[in-house]
Amino acid sequence: MYAVILSGGKQYRVQEGDVLKLETLSGEVGDTVNFDKILLIGEGEAIKTGRPYLESGSVSATVVSHGRHDKVHILKFRRRKHHMKRQGHRQNYTEVKITQIQAG
């Protein structure tokens, strides 16, 4: 069984046991998180889709850790103008493990 969930403005296809790095979620390590924006649940040939979200069904996950991604280096350069700007960015994330998918 798999599901497509919406979290942080992005869609993720998940199965039980998957580990994901999502946008930062509130909750401590070990807490359970329930996703209410479920777009699709499928099992074999049977597929349930929502308009836009499913009213029945649930996806729950456990928070594994919080952290920050690798640094992304940004370099803005103007040729022949004696101008160069360097910048870096590290995005925060929450790592979760999908524990249960219920079709409802």
PDB file of N, CA and C in Angstrom:
ATOM      1  N   MET A   1       0.851  -1.182   0.000  1.00  0.00           N
ATOM      2  CA  MET A   1       0.000   0.000   0.000  1.00  0.00           C
ATOM      3  C   MET A   1       0.889   1.235   0.000  1.00  0.00           C
ATOM      4  N   TYR A   2       0.466   2.224  -0.769  1.00  0.00           N
ATOM      5  CA  TYR A   2       1.217   3.467  -0.838  1.00  0.00           C
ATOM      6  C   TYR A   2       0.246   4.632  -0.786  1.00  0.00           C
ATOM      7  N   ALA A   3       0.781   5.808  -0.508  1.00  0.00           N
ATOM      8  CA  ALA A   3      -0.031   7.019  -0.432  1.00  0.00           C
ATOM      9  C   ALA A   3       0.773   8.184  -0.973  1.00  0.00           C
ATOM     10  N   VAL A   4       0.064   9.208  -1.433  1.00  0.00           N
ATOM     11  CA  VAL A   4       0.688  10.457  -1.847  1.00  0.00           C
ATOM     12  C   VAL A   4       0.206  11.520  -0.871  1.00  0.00           C
ATOM     13  N   ILE A   5       1.143  12.131  -0.137  1.00  0.00           N
ATOM     14  CA  ILE A   5       0.799  13.129   0.872  1.00  0.00           C
ATOM     15  C   ILE A   5       1.360  14.484   0.460  1.00  0.00           C
ATOM     16  N   LEU A   6       0.791  15.516   1.049  1.00  0.00           N
ATOM     17  CA  LEU A   6       1.250  16.885   0.813  1.00  0.00           C
ATOM     18  C   LEU A   6       1.808  17.419   2.118  1.00  0.00           C
ATOM     19  N   SER A   7       3.075  17.849   2.090  1.00  0.00           N
ATOM     20  CA  SER A   7       3.707  18.391   3.285  1.00  0.00           C
ATOM     21  C   SER A   7       4.709  19.460   2.865  1.00  0.00           C
ATOM     22  N   GLY A   8       4.577  20.634   3.402  1.00  0.00           N
ATOM     23  CA  GLY A   8       5.491  21.719   3.090  1.00  0.00           C
ATOM     24  C   GLY A   8       5.385  22.195   1.651  1.00  0.00           C
ATOM     25  N   GLY A   9       4.210  22.050   1.039  1.00  0.00           N
ATOM     26  CA  GLY A   9       4.014  22.474  -0.340  1.00  0.00           C
ATOM     27  C   GLY A   9       4.561  21.501  -1.369  1.00  0.00           C
ATOM     28  N   LYS A  10       5.004  20.322  -0.940  1.00  0.00           N
ATOM     29  CA  LYS A  10       5.539  19.322  -1.854  1.00  0.00           C
ATOM     30  C   LYS A  10       4.765  18.017  -1.701  1.00  0.00           C
ATOM     31  N   GLN A  11       4.726  17.234  -2.769  1.00  0.00           N
ATOM     32  CA  GLN A  11       4.042  15.953  -2.747  1.00  0.00           C
ATOM     33  C   GLN A  11       5.064  14.829  -2.618  1.00  0.00           C
ATOM     34  N   TYR A  12       4.736  13.841  -1.775  1.00  0.00           N
ATOM     35  CA  TYR A  12       5.629  12.716  -1.542  1.00  0.00           C
ATOM     36  C   TYR A  12       4.839  11.417  -1.690  1.00  0.00           C
ATOM     37  N   ARG A  13       5.420  10.449  -2.406  1.00  0.00           N
ATOM     38  CA  ARG A  13       4.838   9.111  -2.504  1.00  0.00           C
ATOM     39  C   ARG A  13       5.507   8.271  -1.415  1.00  0.00           C
ATOM     40  N   VAL A  14       4.711   7.744  -0.492  1.00  0.00           N
ATOM     41  CA  VAL A  14       5.261   7.058   0.674  1.00  0.00           C
ATOM     42  C   VAL A  14       4.676   5.659   0.811  1.00  0.00           C
ATOM     43  N   GLN A  15       5.460   4.793   1.438  1.00  0.00           N
ATOM     44  CA  GLN A  15       5.032   3.462   1.843  1.00  0.00           C
ATOM     45  C   GLN A  15       5.434   3.274   3.295  1.00  0.00           C
ATOM     46  N   GLU A  16       4.869   2.258   3.936  1.00  0.00           N
ATOM     47  CA  GLU A  16       5.241   1.999   5.323  1.00  0.00           C
ATOM     48  C   GLU A  16       6.714   1.638   5.399  1.00  0.00           C
ATOM     49  N   GLY A  17       7.424   2.253   6.335  1.00  0.00           N
ATOM     50  CA  GLY A  17       8.848   1.999   6.516  1.00  0.00           C
ATOM     51  C   GLY A  17       9.749   3.004   5.825  1.00  0.00           C
ATOM     52  N   ASP A  18       9.191   3.869   4.970  1.00  0.00           N
ATOM     53  CA  ASP A  18      10.000   4.883   4.289  1.00  0.00           C
ATOM     54  C   ASP A  18      10.480   5.943   5.268  1.00  0.00           C
ATOM     55  N   VAL A  19      11.684   6.459   5.033  1.00  0.00           N
ATOM     56  CA  VAL A  19      12.233   7.550   5.833  1.00  0.00           C
ATOM     57  C   VAL A  19      12.377   8.757   4.908  1.00  0.00           C
ATOM     58  N   LEU A  20      11.770   9.892   5.302  1.00  0.00           N
ATOM     59  CA  LEU A  20      11.747  11.100   4.484  1.00  0.00           C
ATOM     60  C   LEU A  20      12.364  12.270   5.222  1.00  0.00           C
ATOM     61  N   LYS A  21      12.926  13.208   4.461  1.00  0.00           N
ATOM     62  CA  LYS A  21      13.372  14.483   5.021  1.00  0.00           C
ATOM     63  C   LYS A  21      12.397  15.546   4.521  1.00  0.00           C
ATOM     64  N   LEU A  22      11.553  16.038   5.419  1.00  0.00           N
ATOM     65  CA  LEU A  22      10.515  17.001   5.089  1.00  0.00           C
ATOM     66  C   LEU A  22      10.895  18.381   5.597  1.00  0.00           C
ATOM     67  N   GLU A  23      10.127  19.383   5.181  1.00  0.00           N
ATOM     68  CA  GLU A  23      10.277  20.718   5.750  1.00  0.00           C
ATOM     69  C   GLU A  23      10.056  20.611   7.257  1.00  0.00           C
ATOM     70  N   THR A  24      10.583  21.540   8.019  1.00  0.00           N
ATOM     71  CA  THR A  24      10.552  21.469   9.478  1.00  0.00           C
ATOM     72  C   THR A  24       9.133  21.319  10.011  1.00  0.00           C
ATOM     73  N   LEU A  25       8.942  20.307  10.860  1.00  0.00           N
ATOM     74  CA  LEU A  25       7.660  20.051  11.510  1.00  0.00           C
ATOM     75  C   LEU A  25       7.827  20.255  13.009  1.00  0.00           C
ATOM     76  N   SER A  26       6.753  20.677  13.668  1.00  0.00           N
ATOM     77  CA  SER A  26       6.807  20.817  15.120  1.00  0.00           C
ATOM     78  C   SER A  26       6.707  19.428  15.736  1.00  0.00           C
ATOM     79  N   GLY A  27       7.385  19.232  16.819  1.00  0.00           N
ATOM     80  CA  GLY A  27       7.367  17.946  17.493  1.00  0.00           C
ATOM     81  C   GLY A  27       8.775  17.521  17.871  1.00  0.00           C
ATOM     82  N   GLU A  28       8.862  16.801  18.969  1.00  0.00           N
ATOM     83  CA  GLU A  28      10.146  16.312  19.455  1.00  0.00           C
ATOM     84  C   GLU A  28      10.451  14.955  18.831  1.00  0.00           C
ATOM     85  N   VAL A  29      11.697  14.524  18.981  1.00  0.00           N
ATOM     86  CA  VAL A  29      12.108  13.215  18.472  1.00  0.00           C
ATOM     87  C   VAL A  29      11.320  12.139  19.199  1.00  0.00           C
ATOM     88  N   GLY A  30      10.717  11.225  18.438  1.00  0.00           N
ATOM     89  CA  GLY A  30       9.904  10.153  19.012  1.00  0.00           C
ATOM     90  C   GLY A  30       8.417  10.437  18.975  1.00  0.00           C
ATOM     91  N   ASP A  31       8.015  11.681  18.705  1.00  0.00           N
ATOM     92  CA  ASP A  31       6.595  12.024  18.628  1.00  0.00           C
ATOM     93  C   ASP A  31       5.975  11.453  17.355  1.00  0.00           C
ATOM     94  N   THR A  32       4.653  11.286  17.386  1.00  0.00           N
ATOM     95  CA  THR A  32       3.906  10.807  16.229  1.00  0.00           C
ATOM     96  C   THR A  32       3.288  11.995  15.511  1.00  0.00           C
ATOM     97  N   VAL A  33       3.412  12.000  14.190  1.00  0.00           N
ATOM     98  CA  VAL A  33       2.859  13.059  13.353  1.00  0.00           C
ATOM     99  C   VAL A  33       1.828  12.433  12.427  1.00  0.00           C
ATOM    100  N   ASN A  34       0.639  13.048  12.340  1.00  0.00           N
ATOM    101  CA  ASN A  34      -0.398  12.573  11.432  1.00  0.00           C
ATOM    102  C   ASN A  34      -0.541  13.557  10.283  1.00  0.00           C
ATOM    103  N   PHE A  35      -0.535  13.041   9.054  1.00  0.00           N
ATOM    104  CA  PHE A  35      -0.701  13.867   7.869  1.00  0.00           C
ATOM    105  C   PHE A  35      -2.160  13.837   7.461  1.00  0.00           C
ATOM    106  N   ASP A  36      -2.780  15.030   7.387  1.00  0.00           N
ATOM    107  CA  ASP A  36      -4.195  15.096   7.047  1.00  0.00           C
ATOM    108  C   ASP A  36      -4.431  15.416   5.577  1.00  0.00           C
ATOM    109  N   LYS A  37      -3.424  15.894   4.866  1.00  0.00           N
ATOM    110  CA  LYS A  37      -3.573  16.217   3.448  1.00  0.00           C
ATOM    111  C   LYS A  37      -3.079  15.037   2.612  1.00  0.00           C
ATOM    112  N   ILE A  38      -3.983  14.078   2.386  1.00  0.00           N
ATOM    113  CA  ILE A  38      -3.675  12.877   1.623  1.00  0.00           C
ATOM    114  C   ILE A  38      -4.338  13.007   0.256  1.00  0.00           C
ATOM    115  N   LEU A  39      -3.551  12.949  -0.797  1.00  0.00           N
ATOM    116  CA  LEU A  39      -4.063  13.122  -2.144  1.00  0.00           C
ATOM    117  C   LEU A  39      -4.525  11.815  -2.768  1.00  0.00           C
ATOM    118  N   LEU A  40      -3.867  10.700  -2.427  1.00  0.00           N
ATOM    119  CA  LEU A  40      -4.153   9.434  -3.081  1.00  0.00           C
ATOM    120  C   LEU A  40      -3.701   8.293  -2.188  1.00  0.00           C
ATOM    121  N   ILE A  41      -4.471   7.210  -2.183  1.00  0.00           N
ATOM    122  CA  ILE A  41      -4.064   5.972  -1.530  1.00  0.00           C
ATOM    123  C   ILE A  41      -4.282   4.850  -2.529  1.00  0.00           C
ATOM    124  N   GLY A  42      -3.251   4.035  -2.729  1.00  0.00           N
ATOM    125  CA  GLY A  42      -3.348   2.950  -3.691  1.00  0.00           C
ATOM    126  C   GLY A  42      -2.856   1.644  -3.122  1.00  0.00           C
ATOM    127  N   GLU A  43      -3.525   0.547  -3.564  1.00  0.00           N
ATOM    128  CA  GLU A  43      -3.104  -0.793  -3.174  1.00  0.00           C
ATOM    129  C   GLU A  43      -3.364  -1.700  -4.366  1.00  0.00           C
ATOM    130  N   GLY A  44      -2.306  -2.046  -5.073  1.00  0.00           N
ATOM    131  CA  GLY A  44      -2.457  -2.854  -6.278  1.00  0.00           C
ATOM    132  C   GLY A  44      -3.180  -2.060  -7.355  1.00  0.00           C
ATOM    133  N   GLU A  45      -4.293  -2.595  -7.845  1.00  0.00           N
ATOM    134  CA  GLU A  45      -5.086  -1.926  -8.881  1.00  0.00           C
ATOM    135  C   GLU A  45      -6.103  -0.949  -8.291  1.00  0.00           C
ATOM    136  N   ALA A  46      -6.398  -1.067  -6.992  1.00  0.00           N
ATOM    137  CA  ALA A  46      -7.387  -0.199  -6.351  1.00  0.00           C
ATOM    138  C   ALA A  46      -6.740   1.120  -5.957  1.00  0.00           C
ATOM    139  N   ILE A  47      -7.300   2.231  -6.465  1.00  0.00           N
ATOM    140  CA  ILE A  47      -6.765   3.554  -6.164  1.00  0.00           C
ATOM    141  C   ILE A  47      -7.902   4.454  -5.704  1.00  0.00           C
ATOM    142  N   LYS A  48      -7.683   5.142  -4.586  1.00  0.00           N
ATOM    143  CA  LYS A  48      -8.644   6.136  -4.093  1.00  0.00           C
ATOM    144  C   LYS A  48      -8.009   7.506  -4.239  1.00  0.00           C
ATOM    145  N   THR A  49      -8.694   8.412  -4.904  1.00  0.00           N
ATOM    146  CA  THR A  49      -8.179   9.764  -5.066  1.00  0.00           C
ATOM    147  C   THR A  49      -9.102  10.744  -4.362  1.00  0.00           C
ATOM    148  N   GLY A  50      -8.544  11.859  -3.937  1.00  0.00           N
ATOM    149  CA  GLY A  50      -9.314  12.885  -3.262  1.00  0.00           C
ATOM    150  C   GLY A  50      -9.570  14.064  -4.175  1.00  0.00           C
ATOM    151  N   ARG A  51     -10.498  14.909  -3.732  1.00  0.00           N
ATOM    152  CA  ARG A  51     -10.837  16.114  -4.492  1.00  0.00           C
ATOM    153  C   ARG A  51     -10.830  17.313  -3.578  1.00  0.00           C
ATOM    154  N   PRO A  52      -9.780  17.958  -3.249  1.00  0.00           N
ATOM    155  CA  PRO A  52      -8.399  17.595  -3.559  1.00  0.00           C
ATOM    156  C   PRO A  52      -7.802  16.606  -2.563  1.00  0.00           C
ATOM    157  N   TYR A  53      -8.416  16.466  -1.359  1.00  0.00           N
ATOM    158  CA  TYR A  53      -7.855  15.568  -0.347  1.00  0.00           C
ATOM    159  C   TYR A  53      -8.869  14.489  -0.009  1.00  0.00           C
ATOM    160  N   LEU A  54      -8.351  13.341   0.450  1.00  0.00           N
ATOM    161  CA  LEU A  54      -9.218  12.265   0.915  1.00  0.00           C
ATOM    162  C   LEU A  54      -9.771  12.608   2.288  1.00  0.00           C
ATOM    163  N   GLU A  55     -11.051  12.353   2.484  1.00  0.00           N
ATOM    164  CA  GLU A  55     -11.652  12.604   3.798  1.00  0.00           C
ATOM    165  C   GLU A  55     -11.422  11.426   4.733  1.00  0.00           C
ATOM    166  N   SER A  56     -11.436  10.215   4.191  1.00  0.00           N
ATOM    167  CA  SER A  56     -11.154   9.041   5.012  1.00  0.00           C
ATOM    168  C   SER A  56      -9.733   8.579   4.725  1.00  0.00           C
ATOM    169  N   GLY A  57      -9.135   7.938   5.691  1.00  0.00           N
ATOM    170  CA  GLY A  57      -7.761   7.479   5.543  1.00  0.00           C
ATOM    171  C   GLY A  57      -6.813   8.353   6.331  1.00  0.00           C
ATOM    172  N   SER A  58      -5.687   7.756   6.694  1.00  0.00           N
ATOM    173  CA  SER A  58      -4.705   8.512   7.464  1.00  0.00           C
ATOM    174  C   SER A  58      -3.309   7.949   7.220  1.00  0.00           C
ATOM    175  N   VAL A  59      -2.337   8.812   7.372  1.00  0.00           N
ATOM    176  CA  VAL A  59      -0.926   8.429   7.290  1.00  0.00           C
ATOM    177  C   VAL A  59      -0.265   8.971   8.549  1.00  0.00           C
ATOM    178  N   SER A  60       0.378   8.081   9.296  1.00  0.00           N
ATOM    179  CA  SER A  60       1.063   8.515  10.509  1.00  0.00           C
ATOM    180  C   SER A  60       2.547   8.181  10.406  1.00  0.00           C
ATOM    181  N   ALA A  61       3.346   9.009  11.074  1.00  0.00           N
ATOM    182  CA  ALA A  61       4.802   8.857  11.024  1.00  0.00           C
ATOM    183  C   ALA A  61       5.389   9.206  12.382  1.00  0.00           C
ATOM    184  N   THR A  62       6.620   8.773  12.603  1.00  0.00           N
ATOM    185  CA  THR A  62       7.350   9.064  13.820  1.00  0.00           C
ATOM    186  C   THR A  62       8.530   9.964  13.482  1.00  0.00           C
ATOM    187  N   VAL A  63       8.732  11.004  14.294  1.00  0.00           N
ATOM    188  CA  VAL A  63       9.851  11.923  14.079  1.00  0.00           C
ATOM    189  C   VAL A  63      11.145  11.220  14.494  1.00  0.00           C
ATOM    190  N   VAL A  64      12.081  11.122  13.546  1.00  0.00           N
ATOM    191  CA  VAL A  64      13.355  10.453  13.811  1.00  0.00           C
ATOM    192  C   VAL A  64      14.394  11.467  14.281  1.00  0.00           C
ATOM    193  N   SER A  65      14.504  12.609  13.573  1.00  0.00           N
ATOM    194  CA  SER A  65      15.497  13.604  13.946  1.00  0.00           C
ATOM    195  C   SER A  65      15.179  14.937  13.287  1.00  0.00           C
ATOM    196  N   HIS A  66      15.852  15.966  13.774  1.00  0.00           N
ATOM    197  CA  HIS A  66      15.826  17.296  13.162  1.00  0.00           C
ATOM    198  C   HIS A  66      17.250  17.611  12.732  1.00  0.00           C
ATOM    199  N   GLY A  67      17.399  18.372  11.662  1.00  0.00           N
ATOM    200  CA  GLY A  67      18.750  18.700  11.223  1.00  0.00           C
ATOM    201  C   GLY A  67      18.745  19.766  10.150  1.00  0.00           C
ATOM    202  N   ARG A  68      19.913  19.906   9.505  1.00  0.00           N
ATOM    203  CA  ARG A  68      20.061  20.881   8.424  1.00  0.00           C
ATOM    204  C   ARG A  68      20.745  20.201   7.251  1.00  0.00           C
ATOM    205  N   HIS A  69      20.287  20.531   6.043  1.00  0.00           N
ATOM    206  CA  HIS A  69      20.878  19.973   4.835  1.00  0.00           C
ATOM    207  C   HIS A  69      22.285  20.527   4.621  1.00  0.00           C
ATOM    208  N   ASP A  70      22.975  19.998   3.614  1.00  0.00           N
ATOM    209  CA  ASP A  70      24.289  20.520   3.233  1.00  0.00           C
ATOM    210  C   ASP A  70      24.149  21.941   2.715  1.00  0.00           C
ATOM    211  N   LYS A  71      25.234  22.691   2.817  1.00  0.00           N
ATOM    212  CA  LYS A  71      25.214  24.085   2.392  1.00  0.00           C
ATOM    213  C   LYS A  71      25.159  24.187   0.871  1.00  0.00           C
ATOM    214  N   VAL A  72      24.315  25.090   0.403  1.00  0.00           N
ATOM    215  CA  VAL A  72      24.235  25.421  -1.013  1.00  0.00           C
ATOM    216  C   VAL A  72      24.940  26.755  -1.179  1.00  0.00           C
ATOM    217  N   HIS A  73      25.949  26.800  -2.066  1.00  0.00           N
ATOM    218  CA  HIS A  73      26.710  28.025  -2.291  1.00  0.00           C
ATOM    219  C   HIS A  73      26.103  28.799  -3.451  1.00  0.00           C
ATOM    220  N   ILE A  74      25.888  30.090  -3.238  1.00  0.00           N
ATOM    221  CA  ILE A  74      25.333  30.976  -4.252  1.00  0.00           C
ATOM    222  C   ILE A  74      26.408  32.003  -4.587  1.00  0.00           C
ATOM    223  N   LEU A  75      26.686  32.179  -5.866  1.00  0.00           N
ATOM    224  CA  LEU A  75      27.691  33.122  -6.308  1.00  0.00           C
ATOM    225  C   LEU A  75      27.086  34.001  -7.389  1.00  0.00           C
ATOM    226  N   LYS A  76      27.039  35.288  -7.131  1.00  0.00           N
ATOM    227  CA  LYS A  76      26.556  36.249  -8.113  1.00  0.00           C
ATOM    228  C   LYS A  76      27.754  37.047  -8.597  1.00  0.00           C
ATOM    229  N   PHE A  77      27.951  37.060  -9.890  1.00  0.00           N
ATOM    230  CA  PHE A  77      29.155  37.632 -10.466  1.00  0.00           C
ATOM    231  C   PHE A  77      28.787  38.497 -11.666  1.00  0.00           C
ATOM    232  N   ARG A  78      29.324  39.712 -11.694  1.00  0.00           N
ATOM    233  CA  ARG A  78      29.144  40.605 -12.838  1.00  0.00           C
ATOM    234  C   ARG A  78      30.494  40.761 -13.525  1.00  0.00           C
ATOM    235  N   ARG A  79      30.587  40.305 -14.727  1.00  0.00           N
ATOM    236  CA  ARG A  79      31.872  40.402 -15.418  1.00  0.00           C
ATOM    237  C   ARG A  79      32.193  41.854 -15.766  1.00  0.00           C
ATOM    238  N   ARG A  80      33.445  42.177 -15.666  1.00  0.00           N
ATOM    239  CA  ARG A  80      33.984  43.498 -15.993  1.00  0.00           C
ATOM    240  C   ARG A  80      33.426  44.625 -15.115  1.00  0.00           C
ATOM    241  N   LYS A  81      32.779  44.321 -14.017  1.00  0.00           N
ATOM    242  CA  LYS A  81      32.191  45.361 -13.164  1.00  0.00           C
ATOM    243  C   LYS A  81      32.804  45.394 -11.772  1.00  0.00           C
ATOM    244  N   HIS A  82      33.766  44.537 -11.500  1.00  0.00           N
ATOM    245  CA  HIS A  82      34.401  44.448 -10.185  1.00  0.00           C
ATOM    246  C   HIS A  82      33.363  44.180  -9.091  1.00  0.00           C
ATOM    247  N   HIS A  83      32.462  43.264  -9.385  1.00  0.00           N
ATOM    248  CA  HIS A  83      31.407  42.960  -8.427  1.00  0.00           C
ATOM    249  C   HIS A  83      31.236  41.450  -8.326  1.00  0.00           C
ATOM    250  N   MET A  84      31.319  40.931  -7.099  1.00  0.00           N
ATOM    251  CA  MET A  84      31.078  39.517  -6.853  1.00  0.00           C
ATOM    252  C   MET A  84      30.464  39.379  -5.465  1.00  0.00           C
ATOM    253  N   LYS A  85      29.400  38.600  -5.371  1.00  0.00           N
ATOM    254  CA  LYS A  85      28.704  38.419  -4.097  1.00  0.00           C
ATOM    255  C   LYS A  85      28.588  36.926  -3.816  1.00  0.00           C
ATOM    256  N   ARG A  86      29.012  36.517  -2.625  1.00  0.00           N
ATOM    257  CA  ARG A  86      28.929  35.113  -2.219  1.00  0.00           C
ATOM    258  C   ARG A  86      27.895  34.983  -1.107  1.00  0.00           C
ATOM    259  N   GLN A  87      27.155  33.893  -1.155  1.00  0.00           N
ATOM    260  CA  GLN A  87      26.128  33.658  -0.157  1.00  0.00           C
ATOM    261  C   GLN A  87      25.962  32.157   0.017  1.00  0.00           C
ATOM    262  N   GLY A  88      25.534  31.735   1.172  1.00  0.00           N
ATOM    263  CA  GLY A  88      25.292  30.322   1.426  1.00  0.00           C
ATOM    264  C   GLY A  88      23.955  30.139   2.121  1.00  0.00           C
ATOM    265  N   HIS A  89      23.406  28.917   2.004  1.00  0.00           N
ATOM    266  CA  HIS A  89      22.113  28.635   2.617  1.00  0.00           C
ATOM    267  C   HIS A  89      22.064  27.179   3.059  1.00  0.00           C
ATOM    268  N   ARG A  90      21.562  26.944   4.274  1.00  0.00           N
ATOM    269  CA  ARG A  90      21.319  25.592   4.776  1.00  0.00           C
ATOM    270  C   ARG A  90      19.874  25.503   5.209  1.00  0.00           C
ATOM    271  N   GLN A  91      19.117  24.596   4.596  1.00  0.00           N
ATOM    272  CA  GLN A  91      17.691  24.449   4.880  1.00  0.00           C
ATOM    273  C   GLN A  91      17.491  23.482   6.040  1.00  0.00           C
ATOM    274  N   ASN A  92      16.604  23.824   6.966  1.00  0.00           N
ATOM    275  CA  ASN A  92      16.261  22.932   8.063  1.00  0.00           C
ATOM    276  C   ASN A  92      15.347  21.818   7.554  1.00  0.00           C
ATOM    277  N   TYR A  93      15.403  20.659   8.214  1.00  0.00           N
ATOM    278  CA  TYR A  93      14.516  19.553   7.848  1.00  0.00           C
ATOM    279  C   TYR A  93      14.144  18.748   9.084  1.00  0.00           C
ATOM    280  N   THR A  94      13.095  17.967   8.936  1.00  0.00           N
ATOM    281  CA  THR A  94      12.680  16.999   9.936  1.00  0.00           C
ATOM    282  C   THR A  94      12.643  15.643   9.257  1.00  0.00           C
ATOM    283  N   GLU A  95      13.341  14.683   9.819  1.00  0.00           N
ATOM    284  CA  GLU A  95      13.367  13.337   9.253  1.00  0.00           C
ATOM    285  C   GLU A  95      12.296  12.499   9.936  1.00  0.00           C
ATOM    286  N   VAL A  96      11.398  11.897   9.148  1.00  0.00           N
ATOM    287  CA  VAL A  96      10.300  11.103   9.686  1.00  0.00           C
ATOM    288  C   VAL A  96      10.313   9.711   9.065  1.00  0.00           C
ATOM    289  N   LYS A  97       9.774   8.750   9.818  1.00  0.00           N
ATOM    290  CA  LYS A  97       9.622   7.379   9.331  1.00  0.00           C
ATOM    291  C   LYS A  97       8.131   7.059   9.291  1.00  0.00           C
ATOM    292  N   ILE A  98       7.639   6.645   8.135  1.00  0.00           N
ATOM    293  CA  ILE A  98       6.231   6.331   7.963  1.00  0.00           C
ATOM    294  C   ILE A  98       5.940   5.024   8.679  1.00  0.00           C
ATOM    295  N   THR A  99       4.971   5.059   9.610  1.00  0.00           N
ATOM    296  CA  THR A  99       4.662   3.885  10.407  1.00  0.00           C
ATOM    297  C   THR A  99       3.359   3.208  10.001  1.00  0.00           C
ATOM    298  N   GLN A 100       2.388   3.984   9.517  1.00  0.00           N
ATOM    299  CA  GLN A 100       1.085   3.363   9.229  1.00  0.00           C
ATOM    300  C   GLN A 100       0.351   4.147   8.146  1.00  0.00           C
ATOM    301  N   ILE A 101      -0.268   3.386   7.220  1.00  0.00           N
ATOM    302  CA  ILE A 101      -1.146   3.944   6.200  1.00  0.00           C
ATOM    303  C   ILE A 101      -2.466   3.201   6.288  1.00  0.00           C
ATOM    304  N   GLN A 102      -3.546   3.930   6.523  1.00  0.00           N
ATOM    305  CA  GLN A 102      -4.888   3.341   6.592  1.00  0.00           C
ATOM    306  C   GLN A 102      -5.748   3.917   5.497  1.00  0.00           C
ATOM    307  N   ALA A 103      -6.433   3.044   4.767  1.00  0.00           N
ATOM    308  CA  ALA A 103      -7.277   3.497   3.660  1.00  0.00           C
ATOM    309  C   ALA A 103      -8.583   4.082   4.166  1.00  0.00           C
ATOM    310  N   GLY A 104      -9.109   3.613   5.274  1.00  0.00           N
ATOM    311  CA  GLY A 104     -10.330   4.190   5.855  1.00  0.00           C
ATOM    312  C   GLY A 104     -11.604   3.789   5.213  1.00  0.00           C
TER     313      GLY A 104
END
